[in-house]
Amino acid sequence: MGEYIDFRSIAVDNLPFFTPKQRVPVGTAILSPEDGVTEETVTPAFRPITIRGKIFQNRIWVAPMCMYSCKDGIFSDFHVAHYGQWAMRGAALTTIEAAAVTLRGRNTPQDAGLWSDDHVAPLKRIVDLIHSQSQKAAIQLQHAGRKCGVCPPWLGLRLVPDEFGGYAKDVQGPTPEP
């Protein structure tokens, strides 16, 4: 009988869930000079790039997408799945949607938030999953100014009345114009 090779997956350290450690991050171009695949022949989108000492294995970056899917600004399992999919599919950088820095600065009442300590642990779950895939995470900070407190786009961007979670009476901007 031949020598046994242990093919079990090795877990990423310090995660509350199992995910295999990536020997080579998904989305990395596999070079094969004998087949003519060199860094010079790989399309630039799949070439590594270094910015301020951070190495990105490719140039595929996911832009922030407002999902309008938070309750009280708190990220949910929906967000873990949504953002995790990009990292698992090889995007070197996933930018998490606009997160309001104040309660009254949200674009809609369903926007993500960073104004409370309650937002940290749910956001950490997303970042941990992205990092577990050897990818990088960023977040877009937001304050909607005088245009805050509206319905999501598919509901017409109308002002949300206070009795439905809006905050029209608290909206402030640089001018008195709506």
N, C-alpha and C. Protein backbone atom coordinates (compact mmCIF):
# COMPACT_ATOMS: atom_id res chain seq x y z
N MET A 1 0.84 -1.17 0.00
CA MET A 1 0.00 0.00 0.00
C MET A 1 0.89 1.24 0.00
N GLY A 2 0.48 2.25 -0.76
CA GLY A 2 1.27 3.47 -0.89
C GLY A 2 1.21 4.34 0.35
N GLU A 3 2.02 5.38 0.32
CA GLU A 3 2.07 6.31 1.44
C GLU A 3 0.77 7.12 1.50
N TYR A 4 0.25 7.30 2.71
CA TYR A 4 -0.98 8.05 2.89
C TYR A 4 -0.68 9.54 2.86
N ILE A 5 -1.46 10.28 2.10
CA ILE A 5 -1.34 11.73 2.05
C ILE A 5 -2.59 12.32 2.70
N ASP A 6 -2.40 13.16 3.68
CA ASP A 6 -3.52 13.77 4.39
C ASP A 6 -4.06 14.94 3.58
N PHE A 7 -5.23 14.76 3.03
CA PHE A 7 -5.84 15.79 2.20
C PHE A 7 -6.90 16.61 2.94
N ARG A 8 -6.96 16.45 4.27
CA ARG A 8 -7.97 17.22 5.01
C ARG A 8 -7.71 18.71 4.90
N SER A 9 -8.79 19.47 4.88
CA SER A 9 -8.67 20.92 4.83
C SER A 9 -8.18 21.45 6.17
N ILE A 10 -7.35 22.46 6.10
CA ILE A 10 -6.87 23.14 7.30
C ILE A 10 -7.75 24.37 7.48
N ALA A 11 -8.25 24.58 8.68
CA ALA A 11 -9.15 25.69 8.95
C ALA A 11 -8.41 27.00 9.09
N VAL A 12 -9.08 28.08 8.72
CA VAL A 12 -8.57 29.41 9.00
C VAL A 12 -8.64 29.61 10.51
N ASP A 13 -7.59 30.16 11.09
CA ASP A 13 -7.53 30.36 12.54
C ASP A 13 -8.49 31.45 13.01
N ASN A 14 -8.92 31.32 14.25
CA ASN A 14 -9.66 32.35 14.99
C ASN A 14 -10.99 32.76 14.36
N LEU A 15 -11.70 31.81 13.77
CA LEU A 15 -13.03 32.08 13.24
C LEU A 15 -14.05 31.25 14.00
N PRO A 16 -15.26 31.77 14.18
CA PRO A 16 -16.29 30.99 14.87
C PRO A 16 -16.96 29.96 13.97
N PHE A 17 -16.50 29.85 12.73
CA PHE A 17 -17.04 28.88 11.78
C PHE A 17 -15.88 28.27 11.01
N PHE A 18 -16.12 27.13 10.36
CA PHE A 18 -15.06 26.49 9.59
C PHE A 18 -15.07 27.01 8.16
N THR A 19 -13.91 27.38 7.70
CA THR A 19 -13.69 27.64 6.28
C THR A 19 -12.25 27.23 6.01
N PRO A 20 -12.00 26.55 4.90
CA PRO A 20 -10.64 26.10 4.64
C PRO A 20 -9.68 27.25 4.35
N LYS A 21 -8.48 27.11 4.86
CA LYS A 21 -7.43 28.08 4.58
C LYS A 21 -7.08 27.97 3.09
N GLN A 22 -7.01 29.11 2.43
CA GLN A 22 -6.71 29.12 1.00
C GLN A 22 -5.19 29.13 0.81
N ARG A 23 -4.67 28.06 0.20
CA ARG A 23 -3.24 28.01 -0.07
C ARG A 23 -2.89 29.12 -1.07
N VAL A 24 -3.69 29.22 -2.10
CA VAL A 24 -3.58 30.30 -3.09
C VAL A 24 -4.95 30.96 -3.14
N PRO A 25 -5.05 32.26 -2.90
CA PRO A 25 -6.36 32.90 -2.91
C PRO A 25 -7.09 32.71 -4.23
N VAL A 26 -8.40 32.49 -4.14
CA VAL A 26 -9.23 32.41 -5.34
C VAL A 26 -9.07 33.73 -6.09
N GLY A 27 -8.97 33.66 -7.41
CA GLY A 27 -8.79 34.86 -8.21
C GLY A 27 -7.34 35.14 -8.55
N THR A 28 -6.43 34.30 -8.06
CA THR A 28 -5.01 34.46 -8.37
C THR A 28 -4.72 33.79 -9.70
N ALA A 29 -4.03 34.49 -10.59
CA ALA A 29 -3.64 33.89 -11.86
C ALA A 29 -2.60 32.81 -11.60
N ILE A 30 -2.82 31.63 -12.16
CA ILE A 30 -1.87 30.53 -12.03
C ILE A 30 -0.93 30.60 -13.23
N LEU A 31 0.31 30.94 -12.95
CA LEU A 31 1.30 31.08 -14.01
C LEU A 31 1.86 29.72 -14.39
N SER A 32 2.07 29.53 -15.68
CA SER A 32 2.61 28.28 -16.21
C SER A 32 3.49 28.61 -17.41
N PRO A 33 4.74 29.02 -17.16
CA PRO A 33 5.63 29.43 -18.25
C PRO A 33 5.77 28.38 -19.35
N GLU A 34 5.76 27.08 -18.95
CA GLU A 34 5.89 26.05 -19.97
C GLU A 34 4.70 26.02 -20.93
N ASP A 35 3.57 26.57 -20.48
CA ASP A 35 2.39 26.67 -21.35
C ASP A 35 2.23 28.07 -21.93
N GLY A 36 3.21 28.93 -21.69
CA GLY A 36 3.15 30.29 -22.21
C GLY A 36 2.36 31.27 -21.36
N VAL A 37 1.98 30.84 -20.15
CA VAL A 37 1.21 31.73 -19.27
C VAL A 37 2.19 32.37 -18.29
N THR A 38 2.56 33.60 -18.57
CA THR A 38 3.49 34.34 -17.71
C THR A 38 2.79 35.61 -17.23
N GLU A 39 3.41 36.30 -16.29
CA GLU A 39 2.79 37.53 -15.80
C GLU A 39 2.57 38.53 -16.93
N GLU A 40 3.44 38.51 -17.93
CA GLU A 40 3.30 39.43 -19.06
C GLU A 40 2.14 39.05 -19.97
N THR A 41 1.79 37.77 -20.04
CA THR A 41 0.71 37.34 -20.94
C THR A 41 -0.66 37.32 -20.26
N VAL A 42 -0.68 37.37 -18.95
CA VAL A 42 -1.95 37.39 -18.22
C VAL A 42 -2.57 38.79 -18.37
N THR A 43 -3.87 38.82 -18.63
CA THR A 43 -4.55 40.11 -18.75
C THR A 43 -4.33 40.94 -17.49
N PRO A 44 -4.16 42.25 -17.62
CA PRO A 44 -3.87 43.08 -16.44
C PRO A 44 -4.87 42.93 -15.30
N ALA A 45 -6.12 42.60 -15.59
CA ALA A 45 -7.12 42.44 -14.52
C ALA A 45 -6.71 41.36 -13.53
N PHE A 46 -5.93 40.38 -13.98
CA PHE A 46 -5.53 39.27 -13.11
C PHE A 46 -4.07 39.35 -12.67
N ARG A 47 -3.44 40.48 -12.92
CA ARG A 47 -2.08 40.68 -12.42
C ARG A 47 -2.14 41.28 -11.02
N PRO A 48 -1.22 40.89 -10.15
CA PRO A 48 -1.20 41.49 -8.81
C PRO A 48 -0.86 42.98 -8.89
N ILE A 49 -1.30 43.70 -7.88
CA ILE A 49 -0.97 45.12 -7.77
C ILE A 49 -0.73 45.42 -6.29
N THR A 50 0.27 46.26 -6.02
CA THR A 50 0.59 46.64 -4.64
C THR A 50 0.29 48.13 -4.48
N ILE A 51 -0.49 48.45 -3.46
CA ILE A 51 -0.83 49.84 -3.16
C ILE A 51 -0.54 50.07 -1.68
N ARG A 52 0.36 51.00 -1.42
CA ARG A 52 0.74 51.34 -0.04
C ARG A 52 1.08 50.09 0.78
N GLY A 53 1.82 49.20 0.16
CA GLY A 53 2.29 48.00 0.86
C GLY A 53 1.29 46.86 0.92
N LYS A 54 0.06 47.07 0.46
CA LYS A 54 -0.95 46.00 0.44
C LYS A 54 -0.94 45.35 -0.94
N ILE A 55 -0.82 44.03 -0.94
CA ILE A 55 -0.80 43.29 -2.21
C ILE A 55 -2.20 42.76 -2.49
N PHE A 56 -2.71 43.09 -3.66
CA PHE A 56 -3.98 42.56 -4.15
C PHE A 56 -3.63 41.56 -5.24
N GLN A 57 -4.15 40.33 -5.15
CA GLN A 57 -3.74 39.29 -6.10
C GLN A 57 -4.32 39.52 -7.48
N ASN A 58 -5.31 40.39 -7.61
CA ASN A 58 -5.84 40.77 -8.92
C ASN A 58 -6.41 42.18 -8.78
N ARG A 59 -6.97 42.68 -9.86
CA ARG A 59 -7.50 44.05 -9.84
C ARG A 59 -9.02 44.06 -9.91
N ILE A 60 -9.62 42.98 -9.48
CA ILE A 60 -11.08 42.88 -9.45
C ILE A 60 -11.53 43.37 -8.08
N TRP A 61 -12.20 44.49 -8.08
CA TRP A 61 -12.66 45.12 -6.85
C TRP A 61 -14.16 45.32 -6.94
N VAL A 62 -14.86 44.98 -5.89
CA VAL A 62 -16.31 45.13 -5.85
C VAL A 62 -16.64 46.50 -5.26
N ALA A 63 -17.37 47.29 -6.03
CA ALA A 63 -17.79 48.62 -5.57
C ALA A 63 -18.90 48.48 -4.54
N PRO A 64 -19.08 49.49 -3.69
CA PRO A 64 -20.15 49.42 -2.70
C PRO A 64 -21.52 49.45 -3.37
N MET A 65 -22.43 48.64 -2.85
CA MET A 65 -23.80 48.58 -3.37
C MET A 65 -24.75 48.73 -2.20
N CYS A 66 -25.53 49.79 -2.19
CA CYS A 66 -26.51 49.95 -1.11
C CYS A 66 -27.58 48.88 -1.26
N MET A 67 -27.76 48.08 -0.22
CA MET A 67 -28.73 46.99 -0.27
C MET A 67 -30.03 47.35 0.43
N TYR A 68 -30.04 48.43 1.22
CA TYR A 68 -31.24 48.87 1.93
C TYR A 68 -31.89 47.71 2.68
N SER A 69 -31.09 46.95 3.41
CA SER A 69 -31.57 45.71 4.04
C SER A 69 -31.20 45.59 5.51
N CYS A 70 -30.99 46.70 6.18
CA CYS A 70 -30.64 46.65 7.61
C CYS A 70 -31.82 47.10 8.46
N LYS A 71 -31.90 46.53 9.64
CA LYS A 71 -32.85 47.02 10.64
C LYS A 71 -32.02 47.70 11.72
N ASP A 72 -32.32 48.94 11.99
CA ASP A 72 -31.57 49.74 12.96
C ASP A 72 -30.09 49.84 12.60
N GLY A 73 -29.79 49.77 11.30
CA GLY A 73 -28.41 49.90 10.83
C GLY A 73 -27.55 48.67 11.01
N ILE A 74 -28.13 47.56 11.45
CA ILE A 74 -27.35 46.37 11.79
C ILE A 74 -27.29 45.39 10.61
N PHE A 75 -26.07 45.00 10.24
CA PHE A 75 -25.87 44.01 9.20
C PHE A 75 -26.42 42.66 9.66
N SER A 76 -26.89 41.85 8.71
CA SER A 76 -27.51 40.56 9.04
C SER A 76 -26.84 39.42 8.28
N ASP A 77 -27.40 38.22 8.43
CA ASP A 77 -26.90 37.07 7.67
C ASP A 77 -26.97 37.33 6.17
N PHE A 78 -27.97 38.08 5.75
CA PHE A 78 -28.08 38.45 4.34
C PHE A 78 -26.78 39.10 3.86
N HIS A 79 -26.24 40.01 4.66
CA HIS A 79 -25.02 40.73 4.28
C HIS A 79 -23.80 39.82 4.30
N VAL A 80 -23.75 38.90 5.25
CA VAL A 80 -22.63 37.94 5.29
C VAL A 80 -22.61 37.16 3.98
N ALA A 81 -23.79 36.68 3.55
CA ALA A 81 -23.87 35.93 2.29
C ALA A 81 -23.56 36.82 1.10
N HIS A 82 -24.13 38.01 1.08
CA HIS A 82 -23.95 38.92 -0.06
C HIS A 82 -22.48 39.29 -0.26
N TYR A 83 -21.82 39.75 0.79
CA TYR A 83 -20.43 40.18 0.64
C TYR A 83 -19.47 39.00 0.60
N GLY A 84 -19.79 37.94 1.33
CA GLY A 84 -18.93 36.76 1.31
C GLY A 84 -18.81 36.14 -0.07
N GLN A 85 -19.90 36.19 -0.85
CA GLN A 85 -19.87 35.58 -2.18
C GLN A 85 -18.80 36.21 -3.07
N TRP A 86 -18.61 37.52 -2.95
CA TRP A 86 -17.61 38.18 -3.80
C TRP A 86 -16.20 37.73 -3.43
N ALA A 87 -15.93 37.63 -2.15
CA ALA A 87 -14.61 37.18 -1.71
C ALA A 87 -14.38 35.73 -2.12
N MET A 88 -15.40 34.89 -1.97
CA MET A 88 -15.25 33.47 -2.32
C MET A 88 -15.08 33.27 -3.82
N ARG A 89 -15.51 34.22 -4.61
CA ARG A 89 -15.40 34.11 -6.06
C ARG A 89 -14.15 34.79 -6.60
N GLY A 90 -13.34 35.39 -5.72
CA GLY A 90 -12.04 35.86 -6.16
C GLY A 90 -11.82 37.35 -6.26
N ALA A 91 -12.80 38.17 -5.90
CA ALA A 91 -12.55 39.61 -5.91
C ALA A 91 -11.52 39.93 -4.83
N ALA A 92 -10.46 40.62 -5.21
CA ALA A 92 -9.38 40.92 -4.26
C ALA A 92 -9.82 41.91 -3.19
N LEU A 93 -10.78 42.77 -3.52
CA LEU A 93 -11.27 43.77 -2.57
C LEU A 93 -12.79 43.84 -2.68
N THR A 94 -13.45 43.74 -1.55
CA THR A 94 -14.90 43.92 -1.51
C THR A 94 -15.18 45.14 -0.65
N THR A 95 -15.86 46.12 -1.24
CA THR A 95 -16.22 47.33 -0.50
C THR A 95 -17.65 47.19 0.00
N ILE A 96 -17.80 47.24 1.30
CA ILE A 96 -19.10 47.12 1.94
C ILE A 96 -19.87 48.42 1.74
N GLU A 97 -21.17 48.26 1.58
CA GLU A 97 -22.06 49.38 1.26
C GLU A 97 -21.92 50.57 2.20
N ALA A 98 -22.43 51.69 1.74
CA ALA A 98 -22.40 52.91 2.52
C ALA A 98 -23.01 52.69 3.89
N ALA A 99 -22.24 53.02 4.91
CA ALA A 99 -22.69 52.88 6.29
C ALA A 99 -22.75 54.27 6.91
N ALA A 100 -23.91 54.62 7.41
CA ALA A 100 -24.11 55.95 7.98
C ALA A 100 -23.33 56.12 9.28
N VAL A 101 -22.73 57.28 9.43
CA VAL A 101 -21.94 57.55 10.63
C VAL A 101 -22.78 58.14 11.76
N THR A 102 -24.01 58.55 11.44
CA THR A 102 -24.95 59.00 12.46
C THR A 102 -26.33 58.43 12.13
N LEU A 103 -27.14 58.26 13.15
CA LEU A 103 -28.49 57.74 12.97
C LEU A 103 -29.29 58.59 11.99
N ARG A 104 -29.21 59.88 12.12
CA ARG A 104 -29.99 60.79 11.28
C ARG A 104 -29.30 61.10 9.95
N GLY A 105 -28.19 60.44 9.67
CA GLY A 105 -27.49 60.66 8.41
C GLY A 105 -27.72 59.57 7.39
N ARG A 106 -28.62 58.64 7.70
CA ARG A 106 -28.90 57.54 6.77
C ARG A 106 -29.66 58.05 5.55
N ASN A 107 -29.35 57.47 4.42
CA ASN A 107 -30.08 57.77 3.19
C ASN A 107 -31.52 57.27 3.33
N THR A 108 -31.68 56.03 3.80
CA THR A 108 -33.00 55.46 4.07
C THR A 108 -32.99 54.87 5.48
N PRO A 109 -34.15 54.64 6.07
CA PRO A 109 -34.16 54.00 7.39
C PRO A 109 -33.59 52.58 7.39
N GLN A 110 -33.42 51.97 6.22
CA GLN A 110 -32.88 50.61 6.14
C GLN A 110 -31.39 50.58 5.82
N ASP A 111 -30.71 51.71 5.86
CA ASP A 111 -29.28 51.76 5.57
C ASP A 111 -28.45 51.13 6.68
N ALA A 112 -27.26 50.71 6.31
CA ALA A 112 -26.28 50.19 7.28
C ALA A 112 -25.79 51.34 8.15
N GLY A 113 -25.30 50.99 9.33
CA GLY A 113 -24.83 52.02 10.23
C GLY A 113 -23.54 51.70 10.93
N LEU A 114 -22.89 52.75 11.38
CA LEU A 114 -21.67 52.65 12.20
C LEU A 114 -21.73 53.63 13.37
N TRP A 115 -22.91 54.05 13.75
CA TRP A 115 -23.04 55.05 14.82
C TRP A 115 -23.13 54.44 16.21
N SER A 116 -23.21 53.11 16.30
CA SER A 116 -23.40 52.47 17.60
C SER A 116 -22.44 51.29 17.76
N ASP A 117 -22.07 51.01 18.99
CA ASP A 117 -21.25 49.82 19.25
C ASP A 117 -21.97 48.54 18.85
N ASP A 118 -23.30 48.58 18.78
CA ASP A 118 -24.08 47.41 18.36
C ASP A 118 -23.79 47.01 16.91
N HIS A 119 -23.22 47.91 16.13
CA HIS A 119 -22.94 47.62 14.72
C HIS A 119 -21.62 46.88 14.51
N VAL A 120 -20.76 46.88 15.50
CA VAL A 120 -19.40 46.34 15.32
C VAL A 120 -19.38 44.83 15.11
N ALA A 121 -20.01 44.06 15.98
CA ALA A 121 -19.95 42.59 15.87
C ALA A 121 -20.55 42.07 14.57
N PRO A 122 -21.71 42.56 14.12
CA PRO A 122 -22.23 42.08 12.84
C PRO A 122 -21.32 42.43 11.66
N LEU A 123 -20.72 43.61 11.70
CA LEU A 123 -19.79 43.99 10.63
C LEU A 123 -18.54 43.12 10.68
N LYS A 124 -18.07 42.80 11.87
CA LYS A 124 -16.89 41.95 12.02
C LYS A 124 -17.11 40.58 11.39
N ARG A 125 -18.32 40.04 11.50
CA ARG A 125 -18.62 38.74 10.87
C ARG A 125 -18.37 38.80 9.36
N ILE A 126 -18.78 39.89 8.73
CA ILE A 126 -18.58 40.05 7.29
C ILE A 126 -17.10 40.15 6.97
N VAL A 127 -16.41 41.01 7.70
CA VAL A 127 -14.97 41.22 7.45
C VAL A 127 -14.19 39.93 7.71
N ASP A 128 -14.53 39.20 8.77
CA ASP A 128 -13.85 37.93 9.05
C ASP A 128 -14.01 36.95 7.89
N LEU A 129 -15.21 36.87 7.33
CA LEU A 129 -15.43 35.96 6.20
C LEU A 129 -14.61 36.39 4.99
N ILE A 130 -14.60 37.68 4.69
CA ILE A 130 -13.80 38.18 3.56
C ILE A 130 -12.32 37.87 3.79
N HIS A 131 -11.82 38.17 4.98
CA HIS A 131 -10.40 37.91 5.28
C HIS A 131 -10.09 36.41 5.27
N SER A 132 -11.05 35.57 5.64
CA SER A 132 -10.81 34.13 5.65
C SER A 132 -10.54 33.59 4.25
N GLN A 133 -10.94 34.34 3.24
CA GLN A 133 -10.71 33.93 1.86
C GLN A 133 -9.44 34.59 1.29
N SER A 134 -8.64 35.17 2.17
CA SER A 134 -7.39 35.86 1.80
C SER A 134 -7.66 37.08 0.91
N GLN A 135 -8.80 37.71 1.14
CA GLN A 135 -9.17 38.90 0.38
C GLN A 135 -9.21 40.10 1.33
N LYS A 136 -9.42 41.27 0.78
CA LYS A 136 -9.42 42.50 1.57
C LYS A 136 -10.82 43.13 1.59
N ALA A 137 -11.09 43.86 2.67
CA ALA A 137 -12.39 44.51 2.84
C ALA A 137 -12.20 46.01 3.03
N ALA A 138 -13.17 46.76 2.53
CA ALA A 138 -13.23 48.21 2.74
C ALA A 138 -14.69 48.54 3.03
N ILE A 139 -14.93 49.75 3.47
CA ILE A 139 -16.32 50.17 3.71
C ILE A 139 -16.46 51.62 3.26
N GLN A 140 -17.62 51.94 2.72
CA GLN A 140 -17.93 53.31 2.31
C GLN A 140 -18.66 53.99 3.46
N LEU A 141 -18.14 55.12 3.91
CA LEU A 141 -18.79 55.88 4.97
C LEU A 141 -19.77 56.86 4.34
N GLN A 142 -20.89 57.10 5.01
CA GLN A 142 -21.88 58.00 4.41
C GLN A 142 -22.54 58.90 5.44
N HIS A 143 -22.93 60.04 4.97
CA HIS A 143 -23.90 60.90 5.63
C HIS A 143 -24.67 61.55 4.48
N ALA A 144 -25.97 61.32 4.42
CA ALA A 144 -26.76 61.74 3.27
C ALA A 144 -27.14 63.22 3.30
N GLY A 145 -26.77 63.93 4.35
CA GLY A 145 -27.05 65.36 4.40
C GLY A 145 -28.53 65.65 4.30
N ARG A 146 -28.88 66.68 3.56
CA ARG A 146 -30.29 67.07 3.47
C ARG A 146 -31.14 66.09 2.67
N LYS A 147 -30.51 65.10 2.04
CA LYS A 147 -31.26 64.12 1.26
C LYS A 147 -31.48 62.82 2.02
N CYS A 148 -31.32 62.87 3.33
CA CYS A 148 -31.50 61.64 4.11
C CYS A 148 -32.96 61.43 4.48
N GLY A 149 -33.25 60.18 4.87
CA GLY A 149 -34.59 59.86 5.34
C GLY A 149 -35.61 59.61 4.25
N VAL A 150 -35.16 59.09 3.10
CA VAL A 150 -36.08 58.81 2.00
C VAL A 150 -36.33 57.31 1.88
N CYS A 151 -37.31 56.95 1.06
CA CYS A 151 -37.59 55.54 0.76
C CYS A 151 -36.49 55.00 -0.15
N PRO A 152 -36.31 53.67 -0.19
CA PRO A 152 -35.39 53.08 -1.16
C PRO A 152 -35.81 53.44 -2.59
N PRO A 153 -34.88 53.40 -3.54
CA PRO A 153 -35.17 53.85 -4.92
C PRO A 153 -36.40 53.20 -5.54
N TRP A 154 -36.61 51.91 -5.30
CA TRP A 154 -37.73 51.23 -5.95
C TRP A 154 -39.08 51.67 -5.37
N LEU A 155 -39.05 52.44 -4.28
CA LEU A 155 -40.28 52.98 -3.70
C LEU A 155 -40.42 54.47 -3.97
N GLY A 156 -39.57 55.00 -4.81
CA GLY A 156 -39.75 56.36 -5.28
C GLY A 156 -38.96 57.45 -4.61
N LEU A 157 -38.07 57.14 -3.70
CA LEU A 157 -37.22 58.14 -3.04
C LEU A 157 -38.03 59.27 -2.39
N ARG A 158 -39.24 58.96 -1.95
CA ARG A 158 -40.05 59.94 -1.22
C ARG A 158 -39.56 60.02 0.22
N LEU A 159 -39.82 61.14 0.85
CA LEU A 159 -39.47 61.31 2.25
C LEU A 159 -40.29 60.34 3.11
N VAL A 160 -39.63 59.64 4.01
CA VAL A 160 -40.32 58.69 4.90
C VAL A 160 -40.89 59.47 6.09
N PRO A 161 -42.20 59.37 6.31
CA PRO A 161 -42.78 60.06 7.47
C PRO A 161 -42.22 59.51 8.78
N ASP A 162 -42.17 60.35 9.78
CA ASP A 162 -41.62 59.96 11.08
C ASP A 162 -42.30 58.73 11.66
N GLU A 163 -43.61 58.60 11.48
CA GLU A 163 -44.34 57.47 12.06
C GLU A 163 -43.97 56.13 11.41
N PHE A 164 -43.24 56.18 10.28
CA PHE A 164 -42.80 54.96 9.61
C PHE A 164 -41.28 54.80 9.66
N GLY A 165 -40.65 55.44 10.63
CA GLY A 165 -39.21 55.30 10.80
C GLY A 165 -38.38 56.41 10.20
N GLY A 166 -39.03 57.39 9.61
CA GLY A 166 -38.31 58.52 9.03
C GLY A 166 -37.87 59.50 10.11
N TYR A 167 -37.22 60.55 9.67
CA TYR A 167 -36.72 61.55 10.61
C TYR A 167 -36.68 62.90 9.92
N ALA A 168 -37.77 63.21 9.19
CA ALA A 168 -37.84 64.44 8.39
C ALA A 168 -37.62 65.69 9.23
N LYS A 169 -38.13 65.70 10.44
CA LYS A 169 -38.00 66.91 11.28
C LYS A 169 -36.56 67.15 11.72
N ASP A 170 -35.71 66.13 11.61
CA ASP A 170 -34.32 66.26 12.05
C ASP A 170 -33.33 66.48 10.90
N VAL A 171 -33.83 66.46 9.66
CA VAL A 171 -32.93 66.59 8.51
C VAL A 171 -32.37 68.01 8.46
N GLN A 172 -31.06 68.10 8.32
CA GLN A 172 -30.40 69.40 8.22
C GLN A 172 -29.46 69.37 7.03
N GLY A 173 -29.30 70.49 6.40
CA GLY A 173 -28.39 70.60 5.27
C GLY A 173 -27.76 71.98 5.26
N PRO A 174 -26.89 72.24 4.30
CA PRO A 174 -26.20 73.52 4.25
C PRO A 174 -27.11 74.67 3.81
N THR A 175 -28.27 74.34 3.20
CA THR A 175 -29.22 75.37 2.77
C THR A 175 -30.61 74.93 3.21
N PRO A 176 -31.56 75.85 3.25
CA PRO A 176 -32.91 75.47 3.65
C PRO A 176 -33.69 74.75 2.55
N GLU A 177 -33.12 74.61 1.36
CA GLU A 177 -33.82 73.96 0.25
C GLU A 177 -34.00 72.47 0.52
N PRO A 178 -35.15 71.90 0.09
CA PRO A 178 -35.35 70.45 0.28
C PRO A 178 -34.51 69.64 -0.70
